[in-house]
Amino acid sequence: MKMNIRSIYSQFRANIVAIVSVIVALTGMAYNTYRNEKTEINHNVRAAAFETLKNLGETQILVDYAHFKKDRERGDTRLGWGKMTLIHDLSQVLPAPGPEEADLLLAAWRDNVDELENSTESMVKITDEIQRLRLTTIDILNHLR
């Protein structure tokens, strides 16, 4: 029995560099895989966040034209529905509270779009939710690592 333990110990000592090299290689590969995954997630979040911000700005312009100018071409609420759907879909890639804020914006749009042209209250409700999601999205971008 002592012979086997001494034999194993001597084999271990003789191959310690190879064993440590394998451990270092596996650890490095695992960390590299983790960083690649994290980088890809951050890239997707960043792309979705910038697209969300762009579409929020365009939607705010649409809201302003519809309410203040009564311009049915530039303030076409049917186009707004498309923007709302796109914003809602993009926000699903964002971490919390992005998707929840997008749900609130979509609900505010759905509940107030019919009165947008004539009701200041409806315009304010939609604008407030656009602003909330905008600030949330900026905060998400600021906290990416």
C-alpha atoms as a PDB file:
ATOM      1  CA  MET A   1       0.000   0.000   0.000  1.00  0.00           C
ATOM      2  CA  LYS A   2       2.827   2.401   0.866  1.00  0.00           C
ATOM      3  CA  MET A   3       4.412   1.601  -2.430  1.00  0.00           C
ATOM      4  CA  ASN A   4       1.294   2.740  -4.332  1.00  0.00           C
ATOM      5  CA  ILE A   5       1.003   6.004  -2.412  1.00  0.00           C
ATOM      6  CA  ARG A   6       4.708   6.760  -2.929  1.00  0.00           C
ATOM      7  CA  SER A   7       4.351   5.883  -6.581  1.00  0.00           C
ATOM      8  CA  ILE A   8       1.336   8.172  -6.979  1.00  0.00           C
ATOM      9  CA  TYR A   9       3.144  10.950  -5.087  1.00  0.00           C
ATOM     10  CA  SER A  10       6.242  10.643  -7.249  1.00  0.00           C
ATOM     11  CA  GLN A  11       4.098  10.639 -10.406  1.00  0.00           C
ATOM     12  CA  PHE A  12       2.327  13.771  -9.123  1.00  0.00           C
ATOM     13  CA  ARG A  13       5.642  15.526  -8.407  1.00  0.00           C
ATOM     14  CA  ALA A  14       7.011  14.557 -11.785  1.00  0.00           C
ATOM     15  CA  ASN A  15       3.957  15.894 -13.614  1.00  0.00           C
ATOM     16  CA  ILE A  16       3.039  18.910 -11.444  1.00  0.00           C
ATOM     17  CA  VAL A  17       3.845  21.394 -14.232  1.00  0.00           C
ATOM     18  CA  ALA A  18       1.576  19.567 -16.679  1.00  0.00           C
ATOM     19  CA  ILE A  19      -1.231  19.340 -14.099  1.00  0.00           C
ATOM     20  CA  VAL A  20      -1.000  23.053 -13.253  1.00  0.00           C
ATOM     21  CA  SER A  21      -0.884  23.889 -16.975  1.00  0.00           C
ATOM     22  CA  VAL A  22      -4.108  21.964 -17.608  1.00  0.00           C
ATOM     23  CA  ILE A  23      -5.817  23.674 -14.658  1.00  0.00           C
ATOM     24  CA  VAL A  24      -4.683  27.122 -15.854  1.00  0.00           C
ATOM     25  CA  ALA A  25      -5.780  26.367 -19.422  1.00  0.00           C
ATOM     26  CA  LEU A  26      -9.238  25.164 -18.332  1.00  0.00           C
ATOM     27  CA  THR A  27      -9.693  28.146 -16.012  1.00  0.00           C
ATOM     28  CA  GLY A  28      -8.632  30.560 -18.755  1.00  0.00           C
ATOM     29  CA  MET A  29     -10.956  28.958 -21.262  1.00  0.00           C
ATOM     30  CA  ALA A  30     -13.876  29.093 -18.815  1.00  0.00           C
ATOM     31  CA  TYR A  31     -13.233  32.769 -18.038  1.00  0.00           C
ATOM     32  CA  ASN A  32     -12.881  33.614 -21.731  1.00  0.00           C
ATOM     33  CA  THR A  33     -16.198  31.920 -22.477  1.00  0.00           C
ATOM     34  CA  TYR A  34     -17.845  33.834 -19.624  1.00  0.00           C
ATOM     35  CA  ARG A  35     -16.467  37.179 -20.883  1.00  0.00           C
ATOM     36  CA  ASN A  36     -17.567  36.452 -24.452  1.00  0.00           C
ATOM     37  CA  GLU A  37     -21.098  35.697 -23.245  1.00  0.00           C
ATOM     38  CA  LYS A  38     -21.170  38.857 -21.112  1.00  0.00           C
ATOM     39  CA  THR A  39     -19.844  40.951 -24.006  1.00  0.00           C
ATOM     40  CA  GLU A  40     -22.497  39.581 -26.372  1.00  0.00           C
ATOM     41  CA  ILE A  41     -25.273  40.293 -23.853  1.00  0.00           C
ATOM     42  CA  ASN A  42     -23.983  43.841 -23.352  1.00  0.00           C
ATOM     43  CA  HIS A  43     -23.764  44.336 -27.115  1.00  0.00           C
ATOM     44  CA  ASN A  44     -27.390  43.212 -27.558  1.00  0.00           C
ATOM     45  CA  VAL A  45     -28.599  45.391 -24.681  1.00  0.00           C
ATOM     46  CA  ARG A  46     -26.677  48.395 -26.005  1.00  0.00           C
ATOM     47  CA  ALA A  47     -28.061  47.981 -29.536  1.00  0.00           C
ATOM     48  CA  ALA A  48     -31.630  47.539 -28.243  1.00  0.00           C
ATOM     49  CA  ALA A  49     -31.264  50.519 -25.900  1.00  0.00           C
ATOM     50  CA  PHE A  50     -30.072  52.875 -28.655  1.00  0.00           C
ATOM     51  CA  GLU A  51     -32.824  51.730 -31.006  1.00  0.00           C
ATOM     52  CA  THR A  52     -35.349  52.188 -28.195  1.00  0.00           C
ATOM     53  CA  LEU A  53     -34.111  55.725 -27.524  1.00  0.00           C
ATOM     54  CA  LYS A  54     -34.238  56.568 -31.240  1.00  0.00           C
ATOM     55  CA  ASN A  55     -37.809  55.315 -31.554  1.00  0.00           C
ATOM     56  CA  LEU A  56     -38.889  57.027 -28.335  1.00  0.00           C
ATOM     57  CA  GLY A  57     -37.639  60.321 -29.750  1.00  0.00           C
ATOM     58  CA  GLU A  58     -39.471  59.764 -33.017  1.00  0.00           C
ATOM     59  CA  THR A  59     -42.624  58.836 -31.108  1.00  0.00           C
ATOM     60  CA  GLN A  60     -42.393  62.001 -29.012  1.00  0.00           C
ATOM     61  CA  ILE A  61     -42.161  64.048 -32.211  1.00  0.00           C
ATOM     62  CA  LEU A  62     -45.225  62.224 -33.544  1.00  0.00           C
ATOM     63  CA  VAL A  63     -47.110  62.952 -30.283  1.00  0.00           C
ATOM     64  CA  ASP A  64     -46.145  66.629 -30.448  1.00  0.00           C
ATOM     65  CA  TYR A  65     -47.279  66.984 -34.057  1.00  0.00           C
ATOM     66  CA  ALA A  66     -50.544  65.197 -33.316  1.00  0.00           C
ATOM     67  CA  HIS A  67     -51.365  67.258 -30.232  1.00  0.00           C
ATOM     68  CA  PHE A  68     -49.889  70.698 -30.807  1.00  0.00           C
ATOM     69  CA  LYS A  69     -49.963  71.080 -34.601  1.00  0.00           C
ATOM     70  CA  LYS A  70     -52.968  68.823 -35.271  1.00  0.00           C
ATOM     71  CA  ASP A  71     -50.884  67.542 -38.188  1.00  0.00           C
ATOM     72  CA  ARG A  72     -52.410  64.225 -39.186  1.00  0.00           C
ATOM     73  CA  GLU A  73     -49.588  63.419 -41.578  1.00  0.00           C
ATOM     74  CA  ARG A  74     -46.611  63.891 -39.239  1.00  0.00           C
ATOM     75  CA  GLY A  75     -48.708  63.065 -36.202  1.00  0.00           C
ATOM     76  CA  ASP A  76     -50.305  59.945 -37.651  1.00  0.00           C
ATOM     77  CA  THR A  77     -51.215  57.793 -34.646  1.00  0.00           C
ATOM     78  CA  ARG A  78     -51.431  54.704 -36.865  1.00  0.00           C
ATOM     79  CA  LEU A  79     -47.688  55.062 -37.400  1.00  0.00           C
ATOM     80  CA  GLY A  80     -47.448  55.519 -33.652  1.00  0.00           C
ATOM     81  CA  TRP A  81     -48.886  52.052 -33.144  1.00  0.00           C
ATOM     82  CA  GLY A  82     -46.014  50.646 -35.188  1.00  0.00           C
ATOM     83  CA  LYS A  83     -43.512  52.620 -33.120  1.00  0.00           C
ATOM     84  CA  MET A  84     -45.126  51.424 -29.894  1.00  0.00           C
ATOM     85  CA  THR A  85     -44.908  47.806 -31.007  1.00  0.00           C
ATOM     86  CA  LEU A  86     -41.261  48.212 -32.012  1.00  0.00           C
ATOM     87  CA  ILE A  87     -40.366  49.957 -28.731  1.00  0.00           C
ATOM     88  CA  HIS A  88     -42.166  47.273 -26.738  1.00  0.00           C
ATOM     89  CA  ASP A  89     -40.385  44.478 -28.622  1.00  0.00           C
ATOM     90  CA  LEU A  90     -36.943  46.092 -28.333  1.00  0.00           C
ATOM     91  CA  SER A  91     -37.372  46.689 -24.618  1.00  0.00           C
ATOM     92  CA  GLN A  92     -37.782  42.961 -24.016  1.00  0.00           C
ATOM     93  CA  VAL A  93     -34.004  42.662 -24.545  1.00  0.00           C
ATOM     94  CA  LEU A  94     -33.339  45.247 -21.837  1.00  0.00           C
ATOM     95  CA  PRO A  95     -32.870  44.218 -18.216  1.00  0.00           C
ATOM     96  CA  ALA A  96     -35.485  45.130 -15.623  1.00  0.00           C
ATOM     97  CA  PRO A  97     -37.189  47.556 -15.301  1.00  0.00           C
ATOM     98  CA  GLY A  98     -37.062  48.162 -19.089  1.00  0.00           C
ATOM     99  CA  PRO A  99     -39.756  45.668 -20.114  1.00  0.00           C
ATOM    100  CA  GLU A 100     -42.093  46.792 -17.327  1.00  0.00           C
ATOM    101  CA  GLU A 101     -41.683  50.445 -18.293  1.00  0.00           C
ATOM    102  CA  ALA A 102     -42.422  49.550 -21.923  1.00  0.00           C
ATOM    103  CA  ASP A 103     -45.612  47.786 -20.793  1.00  0.00           C
ATOM    104  CA  LEU A 104     -46.672  50.988 -19.012  1.00  0.00           C
ATOM    105  CA  LEU A 105     -45.934  53.055 -22.138  1.00  0.00           C
ATOM    106  CA  LEU A 106     -47.913  50.690 -24.344  1.00  0.00           C
ATOM    107  CA  ALA A 107     -50.842  50.824 -21.891  1.00  0.00           C
ATOM    108  CA  ALA A 108     -50.700  54.640 -21.770  1.00  0.00           C
ATOM    109  CA  TRP A 109     -50.646  54.763 -25.573  1.00  0.00           C
ATOM    110  CA  ARG A 110     -53.541  52.310 -25.900  1.00  0.00           C
ATOM    111  CA  ASP A 111     -55.641  54.187 -23.320  1.00  0.00           C
ATOM    112  CA  ASN A 112     -54.935  57.717 -24.561  1.00  0.00           C
ATOM    113  CA  VAL A 113     -54.129  57.684 -28.279  1.00  0.00           C
ATOM    114  CA  ASP A 114     -57.727  58.268 -29.376  1.00  0.00           C
ATOM    115  CA  GLU A 115     -57.867  61.557 -27.450  1.00  0.00           C
ATOM    116  CA  LEU A 116     -54.279  62.617 -28.161  1.00  0.00           C
ATOM    117  CA  GLU A 117     -55.151  65.346 -30.631  1.00  0.00           C
ATOM    118  CA  ASN A 118     -57.606  67.165 -28.355  1.00  0.00           C
ATOM    119  CA  SER A 119     -56.731  66.206 -24.774  1.00  0.00           C
ATOM    120  CA  THR A 120     -53.772  67.708 -22.962  1.00  0.00           C
ATOM    121  CA  GLU A 121     -54.212  65.069 -20.263  1.00  0.00           C
ATOM    122  CA  SER A 122     -53.809  62.269 -22.809  1.00  0.00           C
ATOM    123  CA  MET A 123     -50.738  63.926 -24.303  1.00  0.00           C
ATOM    124  CA  VAL A 124     -49.190  64.339 -20.851  1.00  0.00           C
ATOM    125  CA  LYS A 125     -49.840  60.706 -19.901  1.00  0.00           C
ATOM    126  CA  ILE A 126     -48.164  59.432 -23.064  1.00  0.00           C
ATOM    127  CA  THR A 127     -45.300  61.922 -22.819  1.00  0.00           C
ATOM    128  CA  ASP A 128     -44.684  61.023 -19.169  1.00  0.00           C
ATOM    129  CA  GLU A 129     -44.388  57.328 -20.031  1.00  0.00           C
ATOM    130  CA  ILE A 130     -42.093  58.085 -22.977  1.00  0.00           C
ATOM    131  CA  GLN A 131     -39.900  60.134 -20.645  1.00  0.00           C
ATOM    132  CA  ARG A 132     -39.921  57.423 -17.968  1.00  0.00           C
ATOM    133  CA  LEU A 133     -38.794  54.719 -20.423  1.00  0.00           C
ATOM    134  CA  ARG A 134     -36.221  57.084 -21.903  1.00  0.00           C
ATOM    135  CA  LEU A 135     -34.663  57.771 -18.492  1.00  0.00           C
ATOM    136  CA  THR A 136     -34.787  54.069 -17.597  1.00  0.00           C
ATOM    137  CA  THR A 137     -33.050  53.159 -20.857  1.00  0.00           C
ATOM    138  CA  ILE A 138     -30.335  55.755 -20.282  1.00  0.00           C
ATOM    139  CA  ASP A 139     -29.834  54.391 -16.764  1.00  0.00           C
ATOM    140  CA  ILE A 140     -29.521  50.848 -18.149  1.00  0.00           C
ATOM    141  CA  LEU A 141     -26.863  52.050 -20.606  1.00  0.00           C
ATOM    142  CA  ASN A 142     -24.963  53.802 -17.830  1.00  0.00           C
ATOM    143  CA  HIS A 143     -24.847  50.626 -15.753  1.00  0.00           C
ATOM    144  CA  LEU A 144     -23.564  48.230 -18.429  1.00  0.00           C
ATOM    145  CA  ARG A 145     -20.322  46.521 -17.441  1.00  0.00           C
END
